[in-house]
Amino acid sequence: MDELAGGEVAGGERPMRPRPVASRWWRWGWPLVLVGLAGAVPLLVWLGWSAIVASSDGTEVSAPLDPAAPGYQAYVEPTPLLVLIHAEGTHLRGVTLLALTDERVEGAVLFLAPETVTPAGPLSAHWAESGRVAVVDALAELLGIRASESQVVDDDGWAALVSAVAPVVVDNPDPLVSSAGDTVFGSGELALNPSDVAAYLGWRNPGESPIASLVRHELFWERWMDDLALSTAPALIPGETDRGMGRFAPSLAMGGIRIQAVPGTVDSDGGVILDAAAAERLVNEVVPFPISTTNGSRPRVKLLNGIGDPALTHTAARALSRAGARITLIGNAAEFGWETTRIAYHHDDFADDAEAYRIALGTGAVIAEEPTGDATDVTVTFGADYSQMVTDDV
C-alpha cells in the first residue's frame, strides 16, 4: 500500500486509535472531589453570611430578632395619620388631622379651616378644583408630613359616624344665626342629633372669623371622644375597624388626647396663615415618626439604645422628634454599657442639627463620623448619662 505525504493512508481513511484507559485516580478521585465541594457549600455560605452581618460597612443585612438584644435594629413604623375631609359637593367645610401618637395610649386631633393658605392657594380651592388628592398633597407641602390615610365625609357621613352615641351634648358658647338673623343653634347646653352634627361643625355666623369657628370643633370632639370612651355599643363607628375613622376614632377615645386648632392668624383677605414655628412644634410633638416629608427637611436619624433599658428608647425618640428629627431606624447598639451619649453627624450639613439633638436630650457629645450605608444623616446612641438625667428629672 502506497503512503501519501503526511502519513495518511491512501484512500483518506485514518487508522483507528485505541481508546485510552482512564487512570484509577480519575475514576475514583473526581467523584470524591465533587462530594467534598458539595460538603463545603454550607460552610462557605455560613462564612459569607457571618462576614456580612459583622461588617460595619454598608447597610446591615441581618440583626438579632430580639428587640432587647444588642445589635437589634429595625425600621420605624410611621405614626398613623389620617386626613379627615368634611365636604359637601364642591364646598369644603373643614379639615381634621388625626394622629395616633402611641396607638390606644396617646393621640391628637388637629383642626384647619378651609381658608388655610398653602403655597398653592387655600385648602378650599384645592378641594373645589381637584378633590381629596389635592388637599392631601397641599397639607403635606404645608406641614412637612404626609398622611398615611385620608377619608372624605359628607353631611350624611357625619350622621353615621356619631350615630352610636348620639345625641352629643355640647356647651355651645354663642348662638348660631343665619344671614336673616334666625337662630339655628342656641347657646348653652346643646344636644346634637346625628343630622345636626355636620351643620354645627360647618356653620359660620355672618362675619365670623374662620379661626373662631374652630372652637366649635374642639367642643364637639372633646365631648364625642368622651362619649365613645364610655359607650358599650358593639360598633362605635360604622365600617372597617382596621383603617379610617373605624380605627382612629376608637383608638383616640381610649387614650390621652390633644384636641386643638393648628395655630394661625387671619390675614386681610380672610385667609388663615399658619404660625409656621408653632405648627412645626405641634406636628413634631404629635407625629414622632412621620412619613418622608415632601421637602426632606427633617434629618434622618438612627436612634440606638446603648444601655439596654427599652423604656428610655421611647423617651429619647420623643425628645428627638420634638427637636425636628425624623427617626427612621431604631434599635440597640452592638454592645451595651455606653457611659456617654454620642450624637454623630455623617455630613457637615447636619452639624447644627446634631447640636440641637444634644440640647434636646440634655447631654451627650457631638462628633463627625463617616457616612453609614443606611441613608442616615445622624446617629444617636444614648448612654448612662442620659439615663441618669431622665431619672433625676422624674
Protein backbone atom coordinates (compact mmCIF):
# COMPACT_ATOMS: atom_id res chain seq x y z
CA MET A 1 0.00 0.00 0.00
CA ASP A 2 1.42 3.32 -1.06
CA GLU A 3 1.71 6.01 1.63
CA LEU A 4 0.92 9.64 0.97
CA ALA A 5 2.81 12.59 2.37
CA GLY A 6 1.86 13.50 5.88
CA GLY A 7 1.43 9.86 6.94
CA GLU A 8 -2.20 9.47 5.78
CA VAL A 9 -3.19 6.14 4.18
CA ALA A 10 -4.25 6.18 0.55
CA GLY A 11 -8.00 6.36 0.21
CA GLY A 12 -8.36 9.09 3.02
CA GLU A 13 -9.14 6.71 5.89
CA ARG A 14 -7.49 7.30 9.29
CA PRO A 15 -6.17 4.42 11.33
CA MET A 16 -8.35 3.68 14.41
CA ARG A 17 -6.63 4.73 17.58
CA PRO A 18 -7.04 2.65 20.70
CA ARG A 19 -9.33 4.25 23.46
CA PRO A 20 -7.17 5.50 26.32
CA VAL A 21 -7.70 3.70 29.57
CA ALA A 22 -8.88 6.04 32.38
CA SER A 23 -6.50 6.23 35.25
CA ARG A 24 -7.61 4.94 38.63
CA TRP A 25 -7.27 8.45 40.12
CA TRP A 26 -9.73 9.92 37.63
CA ARG A 27 -12.21 7.14 38.15
CA TRP A 28 -12.28 7.42 41.95
CA GLY A 29 -10.74 10.81 42.76
CA TRP A 30 -13.05 13.02 40.75
CA PRO A 31 -16.27 11.82 42.48
CA LEU A 32 -14.56 12.38 45.83
CA VAL A 33 -13.69 15.94 44.81
CA LEU A 34 -17.32 16.62 43.87
CA VAL A 35 -18.53 15.23 47.19
CA GLY A 36 -16.04 17.45 49.02
CA LEU A 37 -17.12 20.57 47.16
CA ALA A 38 -20.78 19.86 47.89
CA GLY A 39 -19.97 19.43 51.56
CA ALA A 40 -18.14 22.76 51.62
CA VAL A 41 -21.11 24.79 50.35
CA PRO A 42 -22.81 25.16 53.77
CA LEU A 43 -19.52 26.22 55.31
CA LEU A 44 -18.93 28.84 52.61
CA VAL A 45 -22.47 30.18 53.00
CA TRP A 46 -22.04 30.46 56.77
CA LEU A 47 -18.70 32.24 56.43
CA GLY A 48 -20.10 34.70 53.89
CA TRP A 49 -23.19 35.40 55.99
CA SER A 50 -21.11 35.97 59.10
CA ALA A 51 -18.87 38.41 57.25
CA ILE A 52 -21.87 40.42 56.03
CA VAL A 53 -23.52 40.58 59.44
CA ALA A 54 -20.29 41.53 61.21
CA SER A 55 -19.37 44.19 58.66
CA SER A 56 -19.70 47.84 59.66
CA ASP A 57 -19.67 48.96 56.03
CA GLY A 58 -22.91 49.44 54.13
CA THR A 59 -26.41 48.56 55.22
CA GLU A 60 -26.83 45.87 57.83
CA VAL A 61 -28.37 42.76 56.27
CA SER A 62 -29.26 40.85 59.41
CA ALA A 63 -29.69 41.62 63.07
CA PRO A 64 -30.96 39.81 66.17
CA LEU A 65 -34.70 39.26 66.20
CA ASP A 66 -34.98 40.01 69.92
CA PRO A 67 -35.65 43.76 70.41
CA ALA A 68 -33.83 43.58 73.75
CA ALA A 69 -30.65 42.06 72.28
CA PRO A 70 -27.52 44.07 71.44
CA GLY A 71 -27.33 44.87 67.73
CA TYR A 72 -31.07 44.75 67.14
CA GLN A 73 -32.23 47.35 64.60
CA ALA A 74 -35.49 47.87 62.77
CA TYR A 75 -37.07 50.42 60.52
CA VAL A 76 -39.59 52.57 62.34
CA GLU A 77 -43.28 52.22 61.57
CA PRO A 78 -44.61 55.71 60.71
CA THR A 79 -47.03 57.34 63.11
CA PRO A 80 -50.55 56.65 61.76
CA LEU A 81 -52.00 59.92 60.46
CA LEU A 82 -55.44 60.41 58.92
CA VAL A 83 -56.65 63.44 56.98
CA LEU A 84 -60.42 63.69 57.53
CA ILE A 85 -62.01 65.95 54.91
CA HIS A 86 -65.51 67.25 55.63
CA ALA A 87 -67.07 68.37 52.36
CA GLU A 88 -70.44 68.62 50.70
CA GLY A 89 -70.19 68.73 46.92
CA THR A 90 -67.54 71.27 45.97
CA HIS A 91 -67.83 73.06 49.31
CA LEU A 92 -65.08 72.26 51.84
CA ARG A 93 -66.40 72.56 55.41
CA GLY A 94 -63.29 71.59 57.35
CA VAL A 95 -60.11 69.52 57.53
CA THR A 96 -59.10 67.48 60.58
CA LEU A 97 -55.83 65.65 61.22
CA LEU A 98 -55.98 62.58 63.46
CA ALA A 99 -52.64 61.28 64.77
CA LEU A 100 -52.16 58.05 66.73
CA THR A 101 -49.01 59.18 68.51
CA ASP A 102 -49.00 55.99 70.58
CA GLU A 103 -51.94 53.89 69.47
CA ARG A 104 -54.63 53.46 72.15
CA VAL A 105 -52.43 55.40 74.58
CA GLU A 106 -51.89 58.88 73.18
CA GLY A 107 -53.05 60.83 70.16
CA ALA A 108 -54.16 64.17 68.75
CA VAL A 109 -56.97 65.79 66.77
CA LEU A 110 -55.93 68.98 64.95
CA PHE A 111 -58.20 71.31 63.00
CA LEU A 112 -57.59 73.51 59.97
CA ALA A 113 -60.07 75.94 58.47
CA PRO A 114 -60.96 75.66 54.76
CA GLU A 115 -59.40 79.10 54.32
CA THR A 116 -55.98 77.84 55.46
CA VAL A 117 -53.46 79.16 52.94
CA THR A 118 -50.96 76.74 51.37
CA PRO A 119 -48.14 77.56 48.92
CA ALA A 120 -50.55 76.92 46.04
CA GLY A 121 -53.68 78.54 47.46
CA PRO A 122 -56.30 77.90 50.16
CA LEU A 123 -57.41 74.38 51.02
CA SER A 124 -60.94 75.21 49.84
CA ALA A 125 -59.66 75.93 46.32
CA HIS A 126 -57.67 72.68 46.24
CA TRP A 127 -60.81 70.75 47.11
CA ALA A 128 -63.04 72.54 44.60
CA GLU A 129 -60.55 72.08 41.77
CA SER A 130 -59.08 68.61 42.33
CA GLY A 131 -60.63 66.97 45.41
CA ARG A 132 -59.08 64.70 48.00
CA VAL A 133 -55.63 64.16 46.48
CA ALA A 134 -55.04 67.88 46.05
CA VAL A 135 -55.94 68.60 49.69
CA VAL A 136 -53.68 65.82 50.99
CA ASP A 137 -50.78 66.96 48.80
CA ALA A 138 -51.23 70.60 49.85
CA LEU A 139 -51.17 69.63 53.53
CA ALA A 140 -48.02 67.57 53.01
CA GLU A 141 -46.29 70.58 51.50
CA LEU A 142 -47.62 72.96 54.14
CA LEU A 143 -46.86 70.88 57.25
CA GLY A 144 -43.90 68.84 56.03
CA ILE A 145 -45.57 65.49 56.79
CA ARG A 146 -47.61 63.10 54.69
CA ALA A 147 -50.68 61.29 55.96
CA SER A 148 -50.88 57.52 55.81
CA GLU A 149 -54.63 57.67 55.12
CA SER A 150 -57.34 60.09 54.05
CA GLN A 151 -61.12 59.95 54.23
CA VAL A 152 -63.87 62.18 52.88
CA VAL A 153 -67.04 62.59 54.96
CA ASP A 154 -70.14 64.43 53.75
CA ASP A 155 -73.05 65.59 55.90
CA ASP A 156 -74.74 62.17 55.86
CA GLY A 157 -71.41 60.58 56.65
CA TRP A 158 -71.08 62.63 59.84
CA ALA A 159 -74.56 61.50 60.89
CA ALA A 160 -73.45 57.88 60.53
CA LEU A 161 -70.18 58.45 62.42
CA VAL A 162 -71.89 59.72 65.57
CA SER A 163 -74.99 57.50 65.46
CA ALA A 164 -73.72 55.04 68.09
CA VAL A 165 -73.52 57.66 70.86
CA ALA A 166 -75.88 60.43 69.69
CA PRO A 167 -77.03 62.86 70.84
CA VAL A 168 -73.70 64.52 71.56
CA VAL A 169 -74.25 67.22 74.15
CA VAL A 170 -72.00 70.31 73.91
CA ASP A 171 -71.90 73.57 75.81
CA ASN A 172 -72.28 75.98 72.92
CA PRO A 173 -70.75 79.41 73.75
CA ASP A 174 -72.63 81.59 71.24
CA PRO A 175 -75.87 81.24 69.29
CA LEU A 176 -75.50 80.35 65.62
CA VAL A 177 -77.66 82.51 63.42
CA SER A 178 -78.49 82.67 59.73
CA SER A 179 -77.88 85.66 57.47
CA ALA A 180 -81.53 86.58 58.06
CA GLY A 181 -80.97 86.67 61.83
CA ASP A 182 -82.76 83.41 62.65
CA THR A 183 -81.26 81.32 65.45
CA VAL A 184 -80.27 77.89 64.14
CA PHE A 185 -78.42 76.64 67.23
CA GLY A 186 -78.86 78.35 70.58
CA SER A 187 -76.19 79.00 73.18
CA GLY A 188 -75.73 76.85 76.29
CA GLU A 189 -76.25 73.12 76.55
CA LEU A 190 -76.99 71.78 73.09
CA ALA A 191 -77.92 68.19 72.22
CA LEU A 192 -76.70 67.45 68.71
CA ASN A 193 -78.60 64.68 66.94
CA PRO A 194 -76.81 62.84 64.12
CA SER A 195 -78.40 65.06 61.46
CA ASP A 196 -77.25 68.20 63.34
CA VAL A 197 -73.53 67.46 63.59
CA ALA A 198 -72.41 68.39 60.07
CA ALA A 199 -74.32 71.67 60.13
CA TYR A 200 -72.94 72.56 63.56
CA LEU A 201 -69.35 71.87 62.54
CA GLY A 202 -69.62 73.65 59.21
CA TRP A 203 -71.61 76.66 60.39
CA ARG A 204 -70.33 80.22 60.07
CA ASN A 205 -72.04 83.17 61.68
CA PRO A 206 -72.08 86.29 59.49
CA GLY A 207 -68.65 87.92 59.66
CA GLU A 208 -67.25 85.19 61.94
CA SER A 209 -63.52 84.54 61.88
CA PRO A 210 -62.61 81.11 60.45
CA ILE A 211 -60.36 80.55 63.47
CA ALA A 212 -63.17 81.38 65.91
CA SER A 213 -65.39 78.81 64.22
CA LEU A 214 -62.89 76.07 65.05
CA VAL A 215 -63.78 76.45 68.74
CA ARG A 216 -66.98 74.52 67.99
CA HIS A 217 -64.90 71.70 66.51
CA GLU A 218 -62.90 71.47 69.72
CA LEU A 219 -66.04 71.43 71.89
CA PHE A 220 -67.71 68.75 69.77
CA TRP A 221 -64.68 66.46 69.54
CA GLU A 222 -63.96 66.65 73.27
CA ARG A 223 -67.47 65.54 74.12
CA TRP A 224 -67.69 62.98 71.31
CA MET A 225 -64.44 61.32 72.39
CA ASP A 226 -65.70 61.17 75.99
CA ASP A 227 -68.94 59.57 74.81
CA LEU A 228 -67.08 56.99 72.71
CA ALA A 229 -64.85 56.11 75.68
CA LEU A 230 -67.88 55.44 77.89
CA SER A 231 -70.01 53.69 75.29
CA THR A 232 -70.75 49.96 75.41
CA ALA A 233 -72.09 49.86 71.85
CA PRO A 234 -70.74 46.87 69.90
CA ALA A 235 -69.81 49.03 66.89
CA LEU A 236 -68.77 52.56 67.75
CA ILE A 237 -68.01 53.59 64.16
CA PRO A 238 -69.64 52.04 61.07
CA GLY A 239 -67.46 50.29 58.52
CA GLU A 240 -63.98 48.81 58.75
CA THR A 241 -62.19 48.76 62.08
CA ASP A 242 -58.60 48.50 60.81
CA ARG A 243 -58.46 51.74 58.84
CA GLY A 244 -60.03 55.17 58.51
CA MET A 245 -62.31 56.52 61.23
CA GLY A 246 -63.18 52.97 62.28
CA ARG A 247 -59.60 52.63 63.51
CA PHE A 248 -58.70 56.17 64.52
CA ALA A 249 -61.74 57.36 66.49
CA PRO A 250 -61.96 54.44 68.97
CA SER A 251 -58.20 54.42 69.47
CA LEU A 252 -58.15 58.15 70.24
CA ALA A 253 -61.08 57.78 72.66
CA MET A 254 -59.23 55.10 74.65
CA GLY A 255 -56.14 57.20 75.44
CA GLY A 256 -54.96 60.67 76.30
CA ILE A 257 -55.83 63.05 73.50
CA ARG A 258 -54.82 66.55 72.48
CA ILE A 259 -57.60 68.46 70.71
CA GLN A 260 -56.82 71.86 69.22
CA ALA A 261 -56.63 74.01 66.10
CA VAL A 262 -53.31 74.38 64.33
CA PRO A 263 -52.12 77.88 65.37
CA GLY A 264 -52.54 80.67 62.85
CA THR A 265 -53.89 84.15 62.18
CA VAL A 266 -56.39 85.63 59.71
CA ASP A 267 -54.98 87.97 57.07
CA SER A 268 -56.69 90.94 55.43
CA ASP A 269 -58.12 88.71 52.68
CA GLY A 270 -59.74 86.31 55.14
CA GLY A 271 -57.15 83.58 54.66
CA VAL A 272 -55.68 81.68 57.61
CA ILE A 273 -51.89 81.95 57.76
CA LEU A 274 -50.41 79.25 59.97
CA ASP A 275 -47.80 80.14 62.54
CA ALA A 276 -45.01 78.12 60.92
CA ALA A 277 -42.87 77.70 64.04
CA ALA A 278 -45.81 76.81 66.29
CA ALA A 279 -47.26 74.43 63.71
CA GLU A 280 -43.89 72.69 63.34
CA ARG A 281 -43.55 72.24 67.11
CA LEU A 282 -47.06 70.84 67.32
CA VAL A 283 -46.54 68.41 64.44
CA ASN A 284 -43.18 67.25 65.83
CA GLU A 285 -44.86 66.58 69.17
CA VAL A 286 -47.83 64.54 67.97
CA VAL A 287 -46.22 62.82 64.94
CA PRO A 288 -42.88 61.50 66.26
CA PHE A 289 -42.33 59.13 63.33
CA PRO A 290 -43.56 60.89 60.17
CA ILE A 291 -43.70 59.53 56.67
CA SER A 292 -40.99 61.06 54.47
CA THR A 293 -41.66 64.75 54.05
CA THR A 294 -42.16 66.34 50.66
CA ASN A 295 -39.19 68.65 51.08
CA GLY A 296 -36.97 66.26 53.03
CA SER A 297 -36.23 68.99 55.58
CA ARG A 298 -36.19 66.76 58.66
CA PRO A 299 -32.87 64.90 59.05
CA ARG A 300 -32.99 61.10 59.04
CA VAL A 301 -31.91 59.83 62.43
CA LYS A 302 -30.91 56.37 63.66
CA LEU A 303 -31.55 56.02 67.40
CA LEU A 304 -29.64 53.34 69.30
CA ASN A 305 -30.01 52.28 72.92
CA GLY A 306 -26.56 51.99 74.46
CA ILE A 307 -27.56 50.77 77.92
CA GLY A 308 -30.30 48.16 77.39
CA ASP A 309 -33.21 49.95 79.10
CA PRO A 310 -36.02 49.75 76.49
CA ALA A 311 -38.22 52.33 78.23
CA LEU A 312 -35.64 55.03 77.54
CA THR A 313 -35.79 54.46 73.78
CA HIS A 314 -39.33 55.82 73.64
CA THR A 315 -38.39 58.77 75.86
CA ALA A 316 -35.37 59.64 73.72
CA ALA A 317 -37.37 59.26 70.49
CA ARG A 318 -39.98 61.76 71.64
CA ALA A 319 -37.31 64.25 72.73
CA LEU A 320 -35.55 63.99 69.37
CA SER A 321 -38.80 64.27 67.42
CA ARG A 322 -39.67 67.50 69.23
CA ALA A 323 -36.29 68.81 68.09
CA GLY A 324 -37.12 68.06 64.45
CA ALA A 325 -35.59 64.60 63.96
CA ARG A 326 -37.16 62.14 61.55
CA ILE A 327 -36.30 58.82 63.16
CA THR A 328 -36.09 56.12 60.52
CA LEU A 329 -34.13 53.37 62.31
CA ILE A 330 -34.36 52.39 65.95
CA GLY A 331 -32.70 49.67 68.00
CA ASN A 332 -29.73 48.82 70.19
CA ALA A 333 -26.01 49.44 70.00
CA ALA A 334 -23.78 46.48 69.12
CA GLU A 335 -22.81 46.34 72.80
CA PHE A 336 -24.43 47.77 75.91
CA GLY A 337 -22.56 49.64 78.61
CA TRP A 338 -22.23 53.05 76.96
CA GLU A 339 -21.39 55.70 79.54
CA THR A 340 -21.68 58.79 77.35
CA THR A 341 -24.35 59.65 74.80
CA ARG A 342 -22.96 60.19 71.31
CA ILE A 343 -24.57 62.22 68.55
CA ALA A 344 -22.71 61.53 65.30
CA TYR A 345 -23.49 63.52 62.17
CA HIS A 346 -22.48 61.99 58.83
CA HIS A 347 -22.27 65.16 56.76
CA ASP A 348 -21.32 68.72 57.65
CA ASP A 349 -24.80 69.91 56.66
CA PHE A 350 -26.20 68.21 59.78
CA ALA A 351 -23.75 69.53 62.37
CA ASP A 352 -26.24 72.11 63.64
CA ASP A 353 -29.00 69.50 63.81
CA ALA A 354 -26.76 67.23 65.86
CA GLU A 355 -26.14 70.04 68.33
CA ALA A 356 -29.90 70.66 68.54
CA TYR A 357 -30.40 66.98 69.39
CA ARG A 358 -27.75 67.18 72.12
CA ILE A 359 -29.62 70.11 73.62
CA ALA A 360 -32.94 68.24 73.35
CA LEU A 361 -31.50 65.20 75.14
CA GLY A 362 -29.77 67.39 77.70
CA THR A 363 -26.46 65.56 77.46
CA GLY A 364 -24.02 63.91 75.08
CA ALA A 365 -21.07 64.59 72.80
CA VAL A 366 -21.41 65.70 69.19
CA ILE A 367 -18.91 64.23 66.74
CA ALA A 368 -18.38 63.97 62.98
CA GLU A 369 -18.41 60.45 61.59
CA GLU A 370 -18.12 58.85 58.16
CA PRO A 371 -21.44 58.22 56.38
CA THR A 372 -23.18 54.93 57.05
CA GLY A 373 -24.69 52.77 54.36
CA ASP A 374 -28.28 53.03 55.60
CA ALA A 375 -29.30 56.52 54.43
CA THR A 376 -28.87 58.02 57.88
CA ASP A 377 -27.93 61.66 58.44
CA VAL A 378 -27.35 61.47 62.20
CA THR A 379 -26.81 58.51 64.54
CA VAL A 380 -27.72 58.99 68.20
CA THR A 381 -26.56 56.41 70.75
CA PHE A 382 -27.69 57.26 74.25
CA GLY A 383 -25.75 56.12 77.30
CA ALA A 384 -25.83 56.06 81.09
CA ASP A 385 -25.56 59.86 81.27
CA TYR A 386 -28.93 60.19 79.54
CA SER A 387 -30.48 57.55 81.82
CA GLN A 388 -29.24 59.42 84.87
CA MET A 389 -30.56 62.73 83.59
CA VAL A 390 -34.01 61.30 82.90
CA THR A 391 -34.08 59.68 86.35
CA ASP A 392 -33.13 62.98 88.00
CA ASP A 393 -35.92 64.80 86.14
CA VAL A 394 -38.61 62.38 87.32
